[in-house]
Each structure stands twice: as C-alpha cells, then as structure tokens.
PDB file of N, CA and C in Angstrom:
ATOM      1  N   MET A   1      -5.421  11.619   7.147  1.00  0.00           N
ATOM      2  CA  MET A   1      -6.499  12.041   6.283  1.00  0.00           C
ATOM      3  C   MET A   1      -7.004  10.879   5.426  1.00  0.00           C
ATOM      4  N   LEU A   2      -6.100  10.078   4.901  1.00  0.00           N
ATOM      5  CA  LEU A   2      -6.516   8.938   4.088  1.00  0.00           C
ATOM      6  C   LEU A   2      -7.339   7.951   4.897  1.00  0.00           C
ATOM      7  N   ASP A   3      -6.946   7.734   6.152  1.00  0.00           N
ATOM      8  CA  ASP A   3      -7.710   6.826   7.019  1.00  0.00           C
ATOM      9  C   ASP A   3      -9.160   7.274   7.130  1.00  0.00           C
ATOM     10  N   ASP A   4      -9.338   8.541   7.444  1.00  0.00           N
ATOM     11  CA  ASP A   4     -10.690   9.080   7.610  1.00  0.00           C
ATOM     12  C   ASP A   4     -11.485   8.981   6.323  1.00  0.00           C
ATOM     13  N   TYR A   5     -10.871   9.353   5.219  1.00  0.00           N
ATOM     14  CA  TYR A   5     -11.564   9.334   3.931  1.00  0.00           C
ATOM     15  C   TYR A   5     -11.971   7.914   3.560  1.00  0.00           C
ATOM     16  N   LEU A   6     -11.050   6.962   3.663  1.00  0.00           N
ATOM     17  CA  LEU A   6     -11.360   5.586   3.280  1.00  0.00           C
ATOM     18  C   LEU A   6     -12.351   4.933   4.238  1.00  0.00           C
ATOM     19  N   SER A   7     -12.280   5.277   5.508  1.00  0.00           N
ATOM     20  CA  SER A   7     -13.296   4.799   6.465  1.00  0.00           C
ATOM     21  C   SER A   7     -14.664   5.343   6.084  1.00  0.00           C
ATOM     22  N   PHE A   8     -14.717   6.616   5.741  1.00  0.00           N
ATOM     23  CA  PHE A   8     -15.961   7.242   5.306  1.00  0.00           C
ATOM     24  C   PHE A   8     -16.516   6.543   4.060  1.00  0.00           C
ATOM     25  N   CYS A   9     -15.619   6.070   3.184  1.00  0.00           N
ATOM     26  CA  CYS A   9     -16.031   5.369   1.962  1.00  0.00           C
ATOM     27  C   CYS A   9     -16.468   3.932   2.240  1.00  0.00           C
ATOM     28  N   GLY A  10     -16.350   3.487   3.492  1.00  0.00           N
ATOM     29  CA  GLY A  10     -16.844   2.166   3.866  1.00  0.00           C
ATOM     30  C   GLY A  10     -15.787   1.083   3.981  1.00  0.00           C
ATOM     31  N   TYR A  11     -14.527   1.446   3.890  1.00  0.00           N
ATOM     32  CA  TYR A  11     -13.463   0.457   4.002  1.00  0.00           C
ATOM     33  C   TYR A  11     -13.039   0.280   5.457  1.00  0.00           C
ATOM     34  N   GLU A  12     -12.678  -0.939   5.798  1.00  0.00           N
ATOM     35  CA  GLU A  12     -12.131  -1.210   7.122  1.00  0.00           C
ATOM     36  C   GLU A  12     -10.629  -0.956   7.040  1.00  0.00           C
ATOM     37  N   ILE A  13     -10.141  -0.089   7.894  1.00  0.00           N
ATOM     38  CA  ILE A  13      -8.761   0.395   7.805  1.00  0.00           C
ATOM     39  C   ILE A  13      -7.960  -0.024   9.037  1.00  0.00           C
ATOM     40  N   LEU A  14      -6.730  -0.444   8.790  1.00  0.00           N
ATOM     41  CA  LEU A  14      -5.754  -0.622   9.856  1.00  0.00           C
ATOM     42  C   LEU A  14      -4.578   0.258   9.480  1.00  0.00           C
ATOM     43  N   SER A  15      -4.272   1.209  10.309  1.00  0.00           N
ATOM     44  CA  SER A  15      -3.190   2.147  10.039  1.00  0.00           C
ATOM     45  C   SER A  15      -2.042   1.894  11.009  1.00  0.00           C
ATOM     46  N   LEU A  16      -0.831   1.850  10.461  1.00  0.00           N
ATOM     47  CA  LEU A  16       0.359   1.664  11.286  1.00  0.00           C
ATOM     48  C   LEU A  16       1.274   2.859  11.090  1.00  0.00           C
ATOM     49  N   ALA A  17       1.790   3.392  12.178  1.00  0.00           N
ATOM     50  CA  ALA A  17       2.670   4.559  12.118  1.00  0.00           C
ATOM     51  C   ALA A  17       4.090   4.181  11.719  1.00  0.00           C
ATOM     52  N   ASP A  18       4.438   2.919  11.880  1.00  0.00           N
ATOM     53  CA  ASP A  18       5.773   2.465  11.509  1.00  0.00           C
ATOM     54  C   ASP A  18       5.693   0.986  11.134  1.00  0.00           C
ATOM     55  N   GLY A  19       6.815   0.415  10.760  1.00  0.00           N
ATOM     56  CA  GLY A  19       6.820  -0.964  10.308  1.00  0.00           C
ATOM     57  C   GLY A  19       7.205  -1.979  11.362  1.00  0.00           C
ATOM     58  N   THR A  20       7.296  -1.541  12.606  1.00  0.00           N
ATOM     59  CA  THR A  20       7.772  -2.396  13.693  1.00  0.00           C
ATOM     60  C   THR A  20       7.026  -3.726  13.770  1.00  0.00           C
ATOM     61  N   CYS A  21       5.731  -3.688  13.799  1.00  0.00           N
ATOM     62  CA  CYS A  21       4.947  -4.925  13.934  1.00  0.00           C
ATOM     63  C   CYS A  21       4.106  -5.171  12.675  1.00  0.00           C
ATOM     64  N   PHE A  22       4.610  -4.725  11.541  1.00  0.00           N
ATOM     65  CA  PHE A  22       3.883  -4.831  10.280  1.00  0.00           C
ATOM     66  C   PHE A  22       3.425  -6.256   9.980  1.00  0.00           C
ATOM     67  N   PHE A  23       4.340  -7.204  10.036  1.00  0.00           N
ATOM     68  CA  PHE A  23       4.000  -8.574   9.648  1.00  0.00           C
ATOM     69  C   PHE A  23       3.051  -9.246  10.628  1.00  0.00           C
ATOM     70  N   GLN A  24       3.184  -8.937  11.899  1.00  0.00           N
ATOM     71  CA  GLN A  24       2.246  -9.464  12.886  1.00  0.00           C
ATOM     72  C   GLN A  24       0.844  -8.906  12.625  1.00  0.00           C
ATOM     73  N   LYS A  25       0.755  -7.603  12.386  1.00  0.00           N
ATOM     74  CA  LYS A  25      -0.544  -6.968  12.135  1.00  0.00           C
ATOM     75  C   LYS A  25      -1.149  -7.450  10.828  1.00  0.00           C
ATOM     76  N   MET A  26      -0.312  -7.684   9.817  1.00  0.00           N
ATOM     77  CA  MET A  26      -0.809  -8.210   8.538  1.00  0.00           C
ATOM     78  C   MET A  26      -1.474  -9.567   8.745  1.00  0.00           C
ATOM     79  N   THR A  27      -0.829 -10.408   9.540  1.00  0.00           N
ATOM     80  CA  THR A  27      -1.362 -11.739   9.805  1.00  0.00           C
ATOM     81  C   THR A  27      -2.691 -11.655  10.549  1.00  0.00           C
ATOM     82  N   GLU A  28      -2.787 -10.758  11.508  1.00  0.00           N
ATOM     83  CA  GLU A  28      -4.016 -10.598  12.285  1.00  0.00           C
ATOM     84  C   GLU A  28      -5.130  -9.957  11.464  1.00  0.00           C
ATOM     85  N   PHE A  29      -4.810  -8.921  10.716  1.00  0.00           N
ATOM     86  CA  PHE A  29      -5.826  -8.125  10.009  1.00  0.00           C
ATOM     87  C   PHE A  29      -6.263  -8.743   8.678  1.00  0.00           C
ATOM     88  N   GLN A  30      -5.365  -9.437   7.989  1.00  0.00           N
ATOM     89  CA  GLN A  30      -5.652 -10.055   6.694  1.00  0.00           C
ATOM     90  C   GLN A  30      -6.184  -9.033   5.674  1.00  0.00           C
ATOM     91  N   PRO A  31      -5.377  -8.046   5.313  1.00  0.00           N
ATOM     92  CA  PRO A  31      -5.850  -7.018   4.373  1.00  0.00           C
ATOM     93  C   PRO A  31      -6.035  -7.563   2.965  1.00  0.00           C
ATOM     94  N   GLN A  32      -6.863  -6.872   2.199  1.00  0.00           N
ATOM     95  CA  GLN A  32      -7.052  -7.205   0.789  1.00  0.00           C
ATOM     96  C   GLN A  32      -6.264  -6.254  -0.107  1.00  0.00           C
ATOM     97  N   LEU A  33      -5.730  -5.190   0.494  1.00  0.00           N
ATOM     98  CA  LEU A  33      -4.955  -4.196  -0.243  1.00  0.00           C
ATOM     99  C   LEU A  33      -4.098  -3.437   0.764  1.00  0.00           C
ATOM    100  N   ILE A  34      -2.905  -3.030   0.329  1.00  0.00           N
ATOM    101  CA  ILE A  34      -1.995  -2.290   1.204  1.00  0.00           C
ATOM    102  C   ILE A  34      -1.688  -0.939   0.573  1.00  0.00           C
ATOM    103  N   LEU A  35      -1.788   0.125   1.373  1.00  0.00           N
ATOM    104  CA  LEU A  35      -1.292   1.443   0.996  1.00  0.00           C
ATOM    105  C   LEU A  35       0.014   1.618   1.753  1.00  0.00           C
ATOM    106  N   LEU A  36       1.097   1.891   1.040  1.00  0.00           N
ATOM    107  CA  LEU A  36       2.416   1.929   1.655  1.00  0.00           C
ATOM    108  C   LEU A  36       3.130   3.225   1.321  1.00  0.00           C
ATOM    109  N   ASP A  37       3.585   3.911   2.352  1.00  0.00           N
ATOM    110  CA  ASP A  37       4.448   5.065   2.166  1.00  0.00           C
ATOM    111  C   ASP A  37       5.881   4.547   2.136  1.00  0.00           C
ATOM    112  N   LEU A  38       6.709   5.118   1.296  1.00  0.00           N
ATOM    113  CA  LEU A  38       8.097   4.656   1.207  1.00  0.00           C
ATOM    114  C   LEU A  38       8.980   5.203   2.313  1.00  0.00           C
ATOM    115  N   LYS A  39       8.570   6.309   2.913  1.00  0.00           N
ATOM    116  CA  LYS A  39       9.377   6.925   3.971  1.00  0.00           C
ATOM    117  C   LYS A  39       8.721   6.641   5.316  1.00  0.00           C
ATOM    118  N   LEU A  40       9.247   5.625   5.984  1.00  0.00           N
ATOM    119  CA  LEU A  40       8.759   5.227   7.295  1.00  0.00           C
ATOM    120  C   LEU A  40       9.849   5.503   8.321  1.00  0.00           C
ATOM    121  N   PRO A  41       9.474   5.720   9.576  1.00  0.00           N
ATOM    122  CA  PRO A  41      10.479   6.089  10.579  1.00  0.00           C
ATOM    123  C   PRO A  41      11.494   4.995  10.896  1.00  0.00           C
ATOM    124  N   ASP A  42      11.108   3.733  10.734  1.00  0.00           N
ATOM    125  CA  ASP A  42      11.994   2.666  11.192  1.00  0.00           C
ATOM    126  C   ASP A  42      12.425   1.659  10.132  1.00  0.00           C
ATOM    127  N   ILE A  43      11.842   1.763   8.925  1.00  0.00           N
ATOM    128  CA  ILE A  43      12.209   0.839   7.853  1.00  0.00           C
ATOM    129  C   ILE A  43      12.002   1.539   6.517  1.00  0.00           C
ATOM    130  N   ASP A  44      12.851   1.212   5.592  1.00  0.00           N
ATOM    131  CA  ASP A  44      12.736   1.731   4.242  1.00  0.00           C
ATOM    132  C   ASP A  44      11.560   1.034   3.549  1.00  0.00           C
ATOM    133  N   GLY A  45      10.687   1.799   2.921  1.00  0.00           N
ATOM    134  CA  GLY A  45       9.523   1.238   2.253  1.00  0.00           C
ATOM    135  C   GLY A  45       9.880   0.248   1.157  1.00  0.00           C
ATOM    136  N   TYR A  46      11.007   0.491   0.474  1.00  0.00           N
ATOM    137  CA  TYR A  46      11.460  -0.447  -0.552  1.00  0.00           C
ATOM    138  C   TYR A  46      11.806  -1.799   0.074  1.00  0.00           C
ATOM    139  N   SER A  47      12.444  -1.774   1.228  1.00  0.00           N
ATOM    140  CA  SER A  47      12.775  -3.019   1.936  1.00  0.00           C
ATOM    141  C   SER A  47      11.511  -3.761   2.326  1.00  0.00           C
ATOM    142  N   LEU A  48      10.515  -3.019   2.753  1.00  0.00           N
ATOM    143  CA  LEU A  48       9.244  -3.638   3.126  1.00  0.00           C
ATOM    144  C   LEU A  48       8.577  -4.280   1.906  1.00  0.00           C
ATOM    145  N   LEU A  49       8.628  -3.603   0.774  1.00  0.00           N
ATOM    146  CA  LEU A  49       8.095  -4.177  -0.464  1.00  0.00           C
ATOM    147  C   LEU A  49       8.796  -5.506  -0.785  1.00  0.00           C
ATOM    148  N   GLU A  50      10.096  -5.529  -0.671  1.00  0.00           N
ATOM    149  CA  GLU A  50      10.844  -6.755  -0.940  1.00  0.00           C
ATOM    150  C   GLU A  50      10.437  -7.879   0.007  1.00  0.00           C
ATOM    151  N   LYS A  51      10.294  -7.552   1.272  1.00  0.00           N
ATOM    152  CA  LYS A  51       9.922  -8.566   2.265  1.00  0.00           C
ATOM    153  C   LYS A  51       8.522  -9.106   2.018  1.00  0.00           C
ATOM    154  N   ILE A  52       7.612  -8.239   1.596  1.00  0.00           N
ATOM    155  CA  ILE A  52       6.244  -8.683   1.286  1.00  0.00           C
ATOM    156  C   ILE A  52       6.279  -9.666   0.119  1.00  0.00           C
ATOM    157  N   GLN A  53       7.070  -9.356  -0.897  1.00  0.00           N
ATOM    158  CA  GLN A  53       7.144 -10.220  -2.084  1.00  0.00           C
ATOM    159  C   GLN A  53       7.788 -11.569  -1.791  1.00  0.00           C
ATOM    160  N   GLN A  54       8.576 -11.642  -0.730  1.00  0.00           N
ATOM    161  CA  GLN A  54       9.205 -12.905  -0.351  1.00  0.00           C
ATOM    162  C   GLN A  54       8.229 -13.860   0.315  1.00  0.00           C
ATOM    163  N   ARG A  55       7.099 -13.343   0.731  1.00  0.00           N
ATOM    164  CA  ARG A  55       6.081 -14.168   1.394  1.00  0.00           C
ATOM    165  C   ARG A  55       5.051 -14.627   0.365  1.00  0.00           C
ATOM    166  N   SER A  56       4.982 -15.897   0.089  1.00  0.00           N
ATOM    167  CA  SER A  56       4.071 -16.394  -0.936  1.00  0.00           C
ATOM    168  C   SER A  56       2.608 -16.114  -0.596  1.00  0.00           C
ATOM    169  N   ASP A  57       2.286 -16.042   0.697  1.00  0.00           N
ATOM    170  CA  ASP A  57       0.899 -15.798   1.088  1.00  0.00           C
ATOM    171  C   ASP A  57       0.489 -14.339   0.935  1.00  0.00           C
ATOM    172  N   TRP A  58       1.430 -13.415   0.741  1.00  0.00           N
ATOM    173  CA  TRP A  58       1.103 -11.992   0.582  1.00  0.00           C
ATOM    174  C   TRP A  58       1.472 -11.452  -0.788  1.00  0.00           C
ATOM    175  N   ARG A  59       2.179 -12.215  -1.573  1.00  0.00           N
ATOM    176  CA  ARG A  59       2.658 -11.773  -2.875  1.00  0.00           C
ATOM    177  C   ARG A  59       1.514 -11.345  -3.795  1.00  0.00           C
ATOM    178  N   HIS A  60       0.350 -11.908  -3.610  1.00  0.00           N
ATOM    179  CA  HIS A  60      -0.804 -11.619  -4.461  1.00  0.00           C
ATOM    180  C   HIS A  60      -1.512 -10.313  -4.093  1.00  0.00           C
ATOM    181  N   LEU A  61      -1.209  -9.751  -2.911  1.00  0.00           N
ATOM    182  CA  LEU A  61      -1.912  -8.551  -2.453  1.00  0.00           C
ATOM    183  C   LEU A  61      -1.564  -7.330  -3.294  1.00  0.00           C
ATOM    184  N   PRO A  62      -2.563  -6.564  -3.712  1.00  0.00           N
ATOM    185  CA  PRO A  62      -2.258  -5.304  -4.379  1.00  0.00           C
ATOM    186  C   PRO A  62      -1.624  -4.333  -3.379  1.00  0.00           C
ATOM    187  N   ILE A  63      -0.551  -3.684  -3.805  1.00  0.00           N
ATOM    188  CA  ILE A  63       0.136  -2.708  -2.961  1.00  0.00           C
ATOM    189  C   ILE A  63       0.198  -1.389  -3.702  1.00  0.00           C
ATOM    190  N   PHE A  64      -0.428  -0.386  -3.123  1.00  0.00           N
ATOM    191  CA  PHE A  64      -0.391   0.964  -3.669  1.00  0.00           C
ATOM    192  C   PHE A  64       0.628   1.766  -2.874  1.00  0.00           C
ATOM    193  N   VAL A  65       1.637   2.253  -3.538  1.00  0.00           N
ATOM    194  CA  VAL A  65       2.580   3.145  -2.887  1.00  0.00           C
ATOM    195  C   VAL A  65       2.001   4.547  -2.943  1.00  0.00           C
ATOM    196  N   VAL A  66       1.991   5.207  -1.801  1.00  0.00           N
ATOM    197  CA  VAL A  66       1.538   6.593  -1.681  1.00  0.00           C
ATOM    198  C   VAL A  66       2.718   7.343  -1.086  1.00  0.00           C
ATOM    199  N   SER A  67       3.405   8.131  -1.930  1.00  0.00           N
ATOM    200  CA  SER A  67       4.676   8.691  -1.494  1.00  0.00           C
ATOM    201  C   SER A  67       4.884  10.106  -2.007  1.00  0.00           C
ATOM    202  N   ALA A  68       5.714  10.842  -1.300  1.00  0.00           N
ATOM    203  CA  ALA A  68       6.126  12.173  -1.751  1.00  0.00           C
ATOM    204  C   ALA A  68       7.265  12.067  -2.754  1.00  0.00           C
ATOM    205  N   PHE A  69       7.857  10.881  -2.908  1.00  0.00           N
ATOM    206  CA  PHE A  69       8.927  10.682  -3.880  1.00  0.00           C
ATOM    207  C   PHE A  69       8.325  10.721  -5.282  1.00  0.00           C
ATOM    208  N   ALA A  70       8.564  11.795  -6.002  1.00  0.00           N
ATOM    209  CA  ALA A  70       7.903  12.007  -7.290  1.00  0.00           C
ATOM    210  C   ALA A  70       8.772  11.651  -8.496  1.00  0.00           C
ATOM    211  N   PHE A  71      10.013  11.285  -8.275  1.00  0.00           N
ATOM    212  CA  PHE A  71      10.892  10.978  -9.400  1.00  0.00           C
ATOM    213  C   PHE A  71      10.496   9.660 -10.061  1.00  0.00           C
ATOM    214  N   SER A  72      10.659   9.614 -11.371  1.00  0.00           N
ATOM    215  CA  SER A  72      10.338   8.414 -12.136  1.00  0.00           C
ATOM    216  C   SER A  72      11.132   7.202 -11.639  1.00  0.00           C
ATOM    217  N   ALA A  73      12.378   7.420 -11.264  1.00  0.00           N
ATOM    218  CA  ALA A  73      13.201   6.307 -10.778  1.00  0.00           C
ATOM    219  C   ALA A  73      12.606   5.682  -9.515  1.00  0.00           C
ATOM    220  N   ASP A  74      12.052   6.517  -8.631  1.00  0.00           N
ATOM    221  CA  ASP A  74      11.411   5.997  -7.420  1.00  0.00           C
ATOM    222  C   ASP A  74      10.195   5.151  -7.781  1.00  0.00           C
ATOM    223  N   GLN A  75       9.406   5.662  -8.709  1.00  0.00           N
ATOM    224  CA  GLN A  75       8.208   4.938  -9.134  1.00  0.00           C
ATOM    225  C   GLN A  75       8.567   3.613  -9.783  1.00  0.00           C
ATOM    226  N   GLN A  76       9.557   3.633 -10.678  1.00  0.00           N
ATOM    227  CA  GLN A  76       9.952   2.405 -11.366  1.00  0.00           C
ATOM    228  C   GLN A  76      10.506   1.367 -10.396  1.00  0.00           C
ATOM    229  N   ARG A  77      11.287   1.829  -9.435  1.00  0.00           N
ATOM    230  CA  ARG A  77      11.844   0.909  -8.441  1.00  0.00           C
ATOM    231  C   ARG A  77      10.737   0.246  -7.630  1.00  0.00           C
ATOM    232  N   ALA A  78       9.770   1.032  -7.181  1.00  0.00           N
ATOM    233  CA  ALA A  78       8.659   0.485  -6.393  1.00  0.00           C
ATOM    234  C   ALA A  78       7.842  -0.511  -7.209  1.00  0.00           C
ATOM    235  N   LEU A  79       7.577  -0.179  -8.448  1.00  0.00           N
ATOM    236  CA  LEU A  79       6.812  -1.091  -9.300  1.00  0.00           C
ATOM    237  C   LEU A  79       7.600  -2.367  -9.580  1.00  0.00           C
ATOM    238  N   ARG A  80       8.894  -2.242  -9.772  1.00  0.00           N
ATOM    239  CA  ARG A  80       9.754  -3.404 -10.001  1.00  0.00           C
ATOM    240  C   ARG A  80       9.792  -4.318  -8.773  1.00  0.00           C
ATOM    241  N   LEU A  81       9.663  -3.717  -7.587  1.00  0.00           N
ATOM    242  CA  LEU A  81       9.703  -4.490  -6.343  1.00  0.00           C
ATOM    243  C   LEU A  81       8.336  -5.063  -5.953  1.00  0.00           C
ATOM    244  N   GLY A  82       7.313  -4.822  -6.773  1.00  0.00           N
ATOM    245  CA  GLY A  82       6.028  -5.463  -6.512  1.00  0.00           C
ATOM    246  C   GLY A  82       4.848  -4.550  -6.266  1.00  0.00           C
ATOM    247  N   ALA A  83       5.066  -3.243  -6.256  1.00  0.00           N
ATOM    248  CA  ALA A  83       3.922  -2.340  -6.094  1.00  0.00           C
ATOM    249  C   ALA A  83       3.006  -2.466  -7.307  1.00  0.00           C
ATOM    250  N   THR A  84       1.724  -2.397  -7.058  1.00  0.00           N
ATOM    251  CA  THR A  84       0.739  -2.486  -8.128  1.00  0.00           C
ATOM    252  C   THR A  84       0.522  -1.139  -8.787  1.00  0.00           C
ATOM    253  N   ARG A  85       0.453  -0.099  -7.954  1.00  0.00           N
ATOM    254  CA  ARG A  85       0.243   1.268  -8.437  1.00  0.00           C
ATOM    255  C   ARG A  85       1.053   2.216  -7.582  1.00  0.00           C
ATOM    256  N   TYR A  86       1.265   3.417  -8.124  1.00  0.00           N
ATOM    257  CA  TYR A  86       2.095   4.413  -7.445  1.00  0.00           C
ATOM    258  C   TYR A  86       1.385   5.755  -7.503  1.00  0.00           C
ATOM    259  N   PHE A  87       1.153   6.349  -6.348  1.00  0.00           N
ATOM    260  CA  PHE A  87       0.497   7.657  -6.252  1.00  0.00           C
ATOM    261  C   PHE A  87       1.447   8.634  -5.575  1.00  0.00           C
ATOM    262  N   VAL A  88       1.584   9.801  -6.177  1.00  0.00           N
ATOM    263  CA  VAL A  88       2.432  10.851  -5.601  1.00  0.00           C
ATOM    264  C   VAL A  88       1.554  11.765  -4.757  1.00  0.00           C
ATOM    265  N   LYS A  89       2.053  12.073  -3.554  1.00  0.00           N
ATOM    266  CA  LYS A  89       1.338  12.996  -2.658  1.00  0.00           C
ATOM    267  C   LYS A  89       1.458  14.409  -3.191  1.00  0.00           C
ATOM    268  N   PRO A  90       0.462  15.230  -3.042  1.00  0.00           N
ATOM    269  CA  PRO A  90      -0.852  14.930  -2.482  1.00  0.00           C
ATOM    270  C   PRO A  90      -1.673  14.092  -3.466  1.00  0.00           C
ATOM    271  N   VAL A  91      -2.351  13.110  -2.934  1.00  0.00           N
ATOM    272  CA  VAL A  91      -3.096  12.139  -3.728  1.00  0.00           C
ATOM    273  C   VAL A  91      -4.454  12.707  -4.132  1.00  0.00           C
ATOM    274  N   ASN A  92      -4.822  12.466  -5.372  1.00  0.00           N
ATOM    275  CA  ASN A  92      -6.166  12.779  -5.835  1.00  0.00           C
ATOM    276  C   ASN A  92      -7.074  11.689  -5.256  1.00  0.00           C
ATOM    277  N   LEU A  93      -7.916  12.057  -4.312  1.00  0.00           N
ATOM    278  CA  LEU A  93      -8.725  11.073  -3.594  1.00  0.00           C
ATOM    279  C   LEU A  93      -9.702  10.332  -4.494  1.00  0.00           C
ATOM    280  N   THR A  94     -10.237  11.005  -5.491  1.00  0.00           N
ATOM    281  CA  THR A  94     -11.166  10.359  -6.421  1.00  0.00           C
ATOM    282  C   THR A  94     -10.444   9.275  -7.213  1.00  0.00           C
ATOM    283  N   GLU A  95      -9.230   9.580  -7.678  1.00  0.00           N
ATOM    284  CA  GLU A  95      -8.447   8.593  -8.421  1.00  0.00           C
ATOM    285  C   GLU A  95      -8.064   7.412  -7.525  1.00  0.00           C
ATOM    286  N   LEU A  96      -7.683   7.703  -6.301  1.00  0.00           N
ATOM    287  CA  LEU A  96      -7.316   6.641  -5.368  1.00  0.00           C
ATOM    288  C   LEU A  96      -8.514   5.735  -5.087  1.00  0.00           C
ATOM    289  N   LYS A  97      -9.647   6.322  -4.829  1.00  0.00           N
ATOM    290  CA  LYS A  97     -10.856   5.545  -4.541  1.00  0.00           C
ATOM    291  C   LYS A  97     -11.212   4.647  -5.730  1.00  0.00           C
ATOM    292  N   GLN A  98     -11.118   5.174  -6.941  1.00  0.00           N
ATOM    293  CA  GLN A  98     -11.413   4.393  -8.145  1.00  0.00           C
ATOM    294  C   GLN A  98     -10.408   3.253  -8.314  1.00  0.00           C
ATOM    295  N   ALA A  99      -9.144   3.524  -8.075  1.00  0.00           N
ATOM    296  CA  ALA A  99      -8.113   2.493  -8.205  1.00  0.00           C
ATOM    297  C   ALA A  99      -8.323   1.377  -7.178  1.00  0.00           C
ATOM    298  N   ILE A 100      -8.682   1.755  -5.963  1.00  0.00           N
ATOM    299  CA  ILE A 100      -8.957   0.749  -4.928  1.00  0.00           C
ATOM    300  C   ILE A 100     -10.140  -0.116  -5.347  1.00  0.00           C
ATOM    301  N   LYS A 101     -11.178   0.515  -5.835  1.00  0.00           N
ATOM    302  CA  LYS A 101     -12.370  -0.218  -6.278  1.00  0.00           C
ATOM    303  C   LYS A 101     -12.001  -1.210  -7.389  1.00  0.00           C
ATOM    304  N   GLU A 102     -11.212  -0.760  -8.347  1.00  0.00           N
ATOM    305  CA  GLU A 102     -10.802  -1.627  -9.460  1.00  0.00           C
ATOM    306  C   GLU A 102      -9.965  -2.809  -8.980  1.00  0.00           C
ATOM    307  N   GLU A 103      -8.992  -2.533  -8.129  1.00  0.00           N
ATOM    308  CA  GLU A 103      -8.115  -3.608  -7.644  1.00  0.00           C
ATOM    309  C   GLU A 103      -8.876  -4.615  -6.789  1.00  0.00           C
ATOM    310  N   LEU A 104      -9.756  -4.129  -5.928  1.00  0.00           N
ATOM    311  CA  LEU A 104     -10.509  -5.063  -5.078  1.00  0.00           C
ATOM    312  C   LEU A 104     -11.475  -5.894  -5.902  1.00  0.00           C
ATOM    313  N   SER A 105     -12.041  -5.305  -6.945  1.00  0.00           N
ATOM    314  CA  SER A 105     -12.927  -6.068  -7.837  1.00  0.00           C
ATOM    315  C   SER A 105     -12.157  -7.187  -8.507  1.00  0.00           C
ATOM    316  N   ALA A 106     -10.968  -6.885  -9.003  1.00  0.00           N
ATOM    317  CA  ALA A 106     -10.143  -7.899  -9.662  1.00  0.00           C
ATOM    318  C   ALA A 106      -9.634  -8.929  -8.662  1.00  0.00           C
ATOM    319  N   PHE A 107      -9.279  -8.468  -7.464  1.00  0.00           N
ATOM    320  CA  PHE A 107      -8.736  -9.343  -6.422  1.00  0.00           C
ATOM    321  C   PHE A 107      -9.783 -10.334  -5.948  1.00  0.00           C
ATOM    322  N   ASN A 108     -11.042  -9.920  -5.881  1.00  0.00           N
ATOM    323  CA  ASN A 108     -12.108 -10.769  -5.335  1.00  0.00           C
ATOM    324  C   ASN A 108     -12.776 -11.643  -6.381  1.00  0.00           C
ATOM    325  N   GLN A 109     -12.298 -11.624  -7.599  1.00  0.00           N
ATOM    326  CA  GLN A 109     -12.905 -12.467  -8.641  1.00  0.00           C
ATOM    327  C   GLN A 109     -12.313 -13.834  -8.670  1.00  0.00           C
TER     328      GLN A 109
END
C-alpha cells in the first residue's frame, strides 16, 4: 500500500521484500530516503540499521522506520541506531508524506 501511495505522490520507489540483496540494490538505486520495517523475513531490521550506519556513504541517508513494534523501547533503540523518524503501523499517510517532504527538503539543501 505504501508503494502505491508514494508512487501516486510522485516518488520513485524501489521496494524489497527482504534484505537479501539490500546493499546491492541500494548501490544501484541510490535512494534519498529509506523506509525500513524492523521485521523482515531474513534479517533483523535493527541489524540492517547498524550495517547502514557503518557505511560512510549511506550514513547521511534519512531512514524512517515503519513498524508494528509500538513499544517505546523499540522506538528508542531504532533512533539510537540511526533511524531519523519512527512510525507505528498503521501509518498516518498524511503525516508520512509531510515527513518525507521535510526530510528530502533538508537532505537536498
């Protein structure tokens, strides 16, 4: 649903069902922002956050966690590991769209 909505809003989207080829696809696609679910079939989202932060060329990318994990501890851990923002599912699409607009504006300055 997020893919369709963000495509409709004019964003170019690359969606991955798992983290298997995440880093290869990141290199090819060159995203300006990442939406990351913490519960992936093959890798823990927290581990992926850590790996992204270890790469100096991706450390600057805004990362929005979009997760069903609603506990404050989950949110704090993700933010501590480098997430820029944290959204609990179901996501308010208007808020998400505004946050993306704000982050991309700041990122492109």
